[in-house]
Amino acid sequence: MEAKNDKLQQTQKRLDEELAKAAKLHESFFPNDSPEISGLSFGTYYSSAHELGGDFYNFIELEDEVLFYLIDVAGHGLDGALLNVFLRETINNYLLDNKNNISLVELLEYINYSYRGEAFPDDYFFCVSFFLLDKETKEITFSNGGFHITPCLISSQGKINDLKVHGLPISKSIPVSVYDFSTSTIKLLPGTTLFATSDGLIEEENETGRYGKERVKDLLLANKELSPQKLLDLIEEDLKSFITNDNFQDDITCLILKNT
């Protein structure tokens, strides 16, 4: 019995070591810094609910544009990490031939078709949101593959509007013929803030109910003069006070972009 327990402990130790390596690899894919663009300020936040998370974000700076995106993989652990590696490589492959003429609809379709050629199980799926920023005009084109919590825009006058672009998550269980991706384009005027988040933030809950998007909107409006990073710090502080601990139920990723 003792020898059997020792073997189990050794196996668990190896699994823990492999998981730690995978987590380190996943973290290495996150950008070290946000793009530096005249007149714009970025803020980012990421927290994993498990040792190896399923959320991911990235910035890809091109000559005249910046492509940035949020990804939320259903499930965590090694499966989520492998899917994130696949997505990163697929996006980069698309850009090799299209970096001067990016279509977010075509990019989502390319990912959808590429994913179906991989050996991932049929019940896997993921959500992805893309943003294409024109550095000069400050126009942002947005597309959505599966997120039901859409980004919102906070104006300098204190108005807040959701970017209502919807789309299905990427999944082999959904027929290709059902997909109909679309985009919306807005201009980030001076004093305007763009806020995007994965579903984890909104769906955190305590004994009274969910944290909810309305609470986030109230914070964004009441503190719209803050810098993006300070605003995200405030949201994190408020969320922790809401759940009364630091143990989130799901990964949380947030991006804020402000025209200063």
Protein backbone atom coordinates (compact mmCIF):
# COMPACT_ATOMS: atom_id res chain seq x y z
CA MET A 1 0.00 0.00 0.00
CA GLU A 2 2.83 2.38 0.89
CA ALA A 3 4.57 1.70 -2.43
CA LYS A 4 1.30 2.36 -4.27
CA ASN A 5 0.84 5.67 -2.45
CA ASP A 6 4.40 6.69 -3.30
CA LYS A 7 3.74 5.95 -6.97
CA LEU A 8 0.53 8.00 -6.89
CA GLN A 9 2.36 10.90 -5.27
CA GLN A 10 5.11 10.75 -7.89
CA THR A 11 2.52 10.71 -10.69
CA GLN A 12 0.70 13.67 -9.17
CA LYS A 13 3.98 15.54 -8.82
CA ARG A 14 4.79 15.00 -12.51
CA LEU A 15 1.30 16.18 -13.49
CA ASP A 16 1.67 19.29 -11.34
CA GLU A 17 5.06 20.03 -12.89
CA GLU A 18 3.67 19.65 -16.42
CA LEU A 19 0.72 21.87 -15.57
CA ALA A 20 3.07 24.51 -14.17
CA LYS A 21 5.12 24.40 -17.39
CA ALA A 22 1.97 24.79 -19.49
CA ALA A 23 0.83 27.71 -17.34
CA LYS A 24 4.20 29.40 -17.79
CA LEU A 25 3.95 28.89 -21.56
CA HIS A 26 0.43 30.34 -21.60
CA GLU A 27 1.55 33.41 -19.66
CA SER A 28 4.50 33.94 -22.01
CA PHE A 29 2.07 34.52 -24.89
CA PHE A 30 0.55 37.60 -23.26
CA PRO A 31 1.99 40.90 -24.53
CA ASN A 32 4.52 42.56 -22.26
CA ASP A 33 3.30 46.06 -23.11
CA SER A 34 0.37 47.82 -24.70
CA PRO A 35 0.87 49.73 -27.97
CA GLU A 36 2.06 53.31 -27.66
CA ILE A 37 -0.11 55.48 -29.91
CA SER A 38 -0.29 59.25 -29.78
CA GLY A 39 -3.45 60.41 -28.03
CA LEU A 40 -4.51 56.94 -26.89
CA SER A 41 -4.12 55.10 -23.60
CA PHE A 42 -4.59 51.36 -23.02
CA GLY A 43 -5.33 49.43 -19.86
CA THR A 44 -5.37 45.64 -19.43
CA TYR A 45 -6.41 43.23 -16.70
CA TYR A 46 -6.14 39.45 -16.52
CA SER A 47 -6.82 37.05 -13.66
CA SER A 48 -6.96 33.28 -13.93
CA ALA A 49 -9.35 31.33 -11.73
CA HIS A 50 -7.18 28.23 -12.07
CA GLU A 51 -3.50 27.50 -12.41
CA LEU A 52 -3.92 27.30 -16.18
CA GLY A 53 -6.49 29.71 -17.57
CA GLY A 54 -8.63 29.78 -20.69
CA ASP A 55 -8.70 33.53 -21.38
CA PHE A 56 -6.21 35.31 -23.59
CA TYR A 57 -5.69 38.74 -25.11
CA ASN A 58 -3.14 40.16 -27.50
CA PHE A 59 -2.11 43.26 -29.43
CA ILE A 60 -0.61 43.05 -32.91
CA GLU A 61 0.78 46.36 -34.08
CA LEU A 62 0.87 46.87 -37.85
CA GLU A 63 2.07 49.84 -39.89
CA ASP A 64 -1.15 51.88 -39.81
CA GLU A 65 -3.37 49.74 -37.59
CA VAL A 66 -3.48 47.75 -34.38
CA LEU A 67 -5.32 44.44 -34.21
CA PHE A 68 -6.27 43.43 -30.69
CA TYR A 69 -8.48 40.66 -29.45
CA LEU A 70 -10.01 38.78 -26.51
CA ILE A 71 -10.38 35.00 -26.42
CA ASP A 72 -12.35 32.90 -23.94
CA VAL A 73 -11.90 29.15 -24.27
CA ALA A 74 -14.61 26.96 -22.73
CA GLY A 75 -12.75 24.96 -20.13
CA HIS A 76 -9.31 25.36 -18.62
CA GLY A 77 -6.18 23.32 -18.13
CA LEU A 78 -4.16 21.90 -20.97
CA ASP A 79 -7.13 21.92 -23.35
CA GLY A 80 -7.53 25.68 -23.04
CA ALA A 81 -3.80 26.25 -23.42
CA LEU A 82 -3.63 24.14 -26.59
CA LEU A 83 -6.58 25.97 -28.11
CA ASN A 84 -4.98 29.31 -27.35
CA VAL A 85 -1.76 28.22 -29.06
CA PHE A 86 -3.79 27.13 -32.10
CA LEU A 87 -5.63 30.47 -32.21
CA ARG A 88 -2.48 32.53 -31.90
CA GLU A 89 -0.83 30.65 -34.76
CA THR A 90 -3.96 30.76 -36.94
CA ILE A 91 -4.31 34.52 -36.53
CA ASN A 92 -0.64 35.02 -37.35
CA ASN A 93 -0.99 32.83 -40.45
CA TYR A 94 -3.92 34.91 -41.68
CA LEU A 95 -1.91 38.11 -41.23
CA LEU A 96 0.98 36.80 -43.31
CA ASP A 97 -1.11 37.28 -46.46
CA ASN A 98 -3.59 39.93 -45.31
CA LYS A 99 -1.83 42.39 -43.01
CA ASN A 100 -2.41 45.25 -45.46
CA ASN A 101 -6.06 44.39 -46.11
CA ILE A 102 -7.56 42.91 -42.95
CA SER A 103 -11.21 41.86 -42.96
CA LEU A 104 -12.44 40.83 -39.52
CA VAL A 105 -15.26 38.81 -41.06
CA GLU A 106 -12.77 36.93 -43.24
CA LEU A 107 -10.49 36.43 -40.23
CA LEU A 108 -13.30 34.85 -38.20
CA GLU A 109 -14.26 32.65 -41.15
CA TYR A 110 -10.62 31.63 -41.60
CA ILE A 111 -10.38 30.65 -37.93
CA ASN A 112 -13.68 28.76 -38.14
CA TYR A 113 -12.60 26.71 -41.16
CA SER A 114 -9.08 26.11 -39.80
CA TYR A 115 -10.45 24.92 -36.48
CA ARG A 116 -12.57 22.27 -38.18
CA GLY A 117 -9.43 20.76 -39.67
CA GLU A 118 -7.88 20.20 -36.25
CA ALA A 119 -8.35 17.17 -33.99
CA PHE A 120 -10.08 18.99 -31.12
CA PRO A 121 -13.20 17.23 -29.75
CA ASP A 122 -16.57 18.29 -31.14
CA ASP A 123 -17.80 19.63 -27.79
CA TYR A 124 -14.97 22.18 -27.49
CA PHE A 125 -15.76 25.80 -28.32
CA PHE A 126 -14.36 29.28 -27.81
CA CYS A 127 -15.42 32.92 -28.08
CA VAL A 128 -13.32 35.63 -29.72
CA SER A 129 -13.71 39.37 -30.21
CA PHE A 130 -11.55 41.34 -32.65
CA PHE A 131 -10.87 45.07 -32.75
CA LEU A 132 -9.06 46.78 -35.62
CA LEU A 133 -7.86 50.28 -34.75
CA ASP A 134 -6.82 52.85 -37.34
CA LYS A 135 -3.98 54.76 -35.69
CA GLU A 136 -4.60 57.95 -37.64
CA THR A 137 -8.40 58.28 -37.71
CA LYS A 138 -8.98 56.51 -34.35
CA GLU A 139 -11.71 54.43 -36.00
CA ILE A 140 -12.27 50.99 -34.50
CA THR A 141 -13.91 48.11 -36.35
CA PHE A 142 -15.29 45.41 -34.07
CA SER A 143 -16.38 41.82 -34.72
CA ASN A 144 -17.73 39.23 -32.33
CA GLY A 145 -17.57 35.46 -32.38
CA GLY A 146 -19.59 34.24 -29.42
CA PHE A 147 -19.31 36.79 -26.60
CA HIS A 148 -22.76 37.64 -25.22
CA ILE A 149 -21.24 40.46 -23.14
CA THR A 150 -20.49 43.00 -25.86
CA PRO A 151 -18.11 45.97 -25.48
CA CYS A 152 -19.41 49.39 -24.52
CA LEU A 153 -18.46 52.96 -25.38
CA ILE A 154 -18.44 55.72 -22.74
CA SER A 155 -18.60 59.25 -24.16
CA SER A 156 -17.11 62.38 -22.62
CA GLN A 157 -20.70 63.59 -22.08
CA GLY A 158 -21.44 60.64 -19.80
CA LYS A 159 -23.41 58.48 -22.22
CA ILE A 160 -22.80 54.76 -22.52
CA ASN A 161 -23.69 52.55 -25.48
CA ASP A 162 -23.20 48.86 -26.19
CA LEU A 163 -21.58 47.80 -29.45
CA LYS A 164 -24.32 45.42 -30.52
CA VAL A 165 -22.53 43.06 -32.84
CA HIS A 166 -23.35 39.42 -32.19
CA GLY A 167 -22.04 36.17 -33.57
CA LEU A 168 -21.82 32.50 -32.71
CA PRO A 169 -18.86 30.93 -30.89
CA ILE A 170 -16.44 28.81 -32.88
CA SER A 171 -17.47 25.17 -32.52
CA LYS A 172 -17.48 22.04 -34.67
CA SER A 173 -20.96 21.27 -33.35
CA ILE A 174 -22.38 24.34 -35.18
CA PRO A 175 -22.84 23.92 -38.96
CA VAL A 176 -20.74 26.30 -41.06
CA SER A 177 -23.84 27.38 -42.96
CA VAL A 178 -25.34 28.89 -39.79
CA TYR A 179 -22.55 31.42 -39.27
CA ASP A 180 -23.05 35.02 -40.33
CA PHE A 181 -20.27 37.18 -38.89
CA SER A 182 -20.56 40.96 -39.10
CA THR A 183 -18.73 44.12 -38.02
CA SER A 184 -19.45 47.56 -36.64
CA THR A 185 -17.21 50.62 -36.89
CA ILE A 186 -17.06 53.50 -34.42
CA LYS A 187 -14.80 56.51 -34.03
CA LEU A 188 -13.07 56.95 -30.70
CA LEU A 189 -13.60 60.67 -30.15
CA PRO A 190 -11.56 62.69 -27.61
CA GLY A 191 -12.58 61.79 -24.07
CA THR A 192 -14.27 58.57 -25.20
CA THR A 193 -13.51 55.20 -23.60
CA LEU A 194 -13.93 51.69 -25.02
CA PHE A 195 -14.43 48.88 -22.49
CA ALA A 196 -14.35 45.17 -23.34
CA THR A 197 -14.41 42.15 -21.06
CA SER A 198 -14.74 38.39 -21.09
CA ASP A 199 -17.86 36.93 -19.52
CA GLY A 200 -16.12 36.04 -16.25
CA LEU A 201 -16.32 39.55 -14.79
CA ILE A 202 -20.06 39.96 -15.31
CA GLU A 203 -20.91 36.43 -14.15
CA GLU A 204 -19.13 36.56 -10.79
CA GLU A 205 -21.68 36.23 -8.01
CA ASN A 206 -22.30 36.27 -4.28
CA GLU A 207 -25.31 35.28 -2.20
CA THR A 208 -27.33 38.23 -3.55
CA GLY A 209 -26.80 37.49 -7.24
CA ARG A 210 -24.48 38.34 -10.13
CA TYR A 211 -22.01 41.18 -10.27
CA GLY A 212 -23.64 42.18 -13.55
CA LYS A 213 -22.91 44.55 -16.41
CA GLU A 214 -24.99 47.40 -14.97
CA ARG A 215 -22.71 47.62 -11.95
CA VAL A 216 -19.69 47.78 -14.26
CA LYS A 217 -21.37 50.48 -16.35
CA ASP A 218 -22.09 52.55 -13.23
CA LEU A 219 -18.41 52.36 -12.25
CA LEU A 220 -17.29 53.30 -15.75
CA LEU A 221 -19.58 56.32 -15.88
CA ALA A 222 -18.83 57.56 -12.37
CA ASN A 223 -15.07 57.32 -12.92
CA LYS A 224 -14.70 58.08 -16.63
CA GLU A 225 -12.02 60.70 -15.92
CA LEU A 226 -9.62 58.07 -14.57
CA SER A 227 -6.88 56.56 -16.69
CA PRO A 228 -7.67 53.11 -18.14
CA GLN A 229 -5.35 51.28 -15.75
CA LYS A 230 -6.66 53.08 -12.67
CA LEU A 231 -10.20 52.37 -13.81
CA LEU A 232 -9.39 48.67 -14.06
CA ASP A 233 -7.80 48.75 -10.60
CA LEU A 234 -11.04 50.24 -9.28
CA ILE A 235 -13.15 47.54 -10.95
CA GLU A 236 -10.95 44.82 -9.45
CA GLU A 237 -11.25 46.38 -5.99
CA ASP A 238 -15.03 46.66 -6.30
CA LEU A 239 -15.36 43.08 -7.55
CA LYS A 240 -13.35 41.70 -4.65
CA SER A 241 -15.50 43.61 -2.18
CA PHE A 242 -18.60 42.19 -3.90
CA ILE A 243 -17.52 38.54 -3.63
CA THR A 244 -15.77 39.21 -0.25
CA ASN A 245 -12.66 37.23 -1.26
CA ASP A 246 -10.02 36.94 -3.97
CA ASN A 247 -11.18 33.61 -5.40
CA PHE A 248 -12.81 34.24 -8.76
CA GLN A 249 -15.05 31.54 -10.24
CA ASP A 250 -13.83 32.09 -13.80
CA ASP A 251 -11.01 33.77 -15.68
CA ILE A 252 -11.45 37.52 -16.05
CA THR A 253 -9.96 39.61 -18.83
CA CYS A 254 -10.65 43.30 -19.44
CA LEU A 255 -9.36 45.82 -21.96
CA ILE A 256 -9.85 49.58 -21.89
CA LEU A 257 -8.87 52.03 -24.61
CA LYS A 258 -9.29 55.77 -24.12
CA ASN A 259 -8.80 58.71 -26.45
CA THR A 260 -7.20 61.18 -24.08
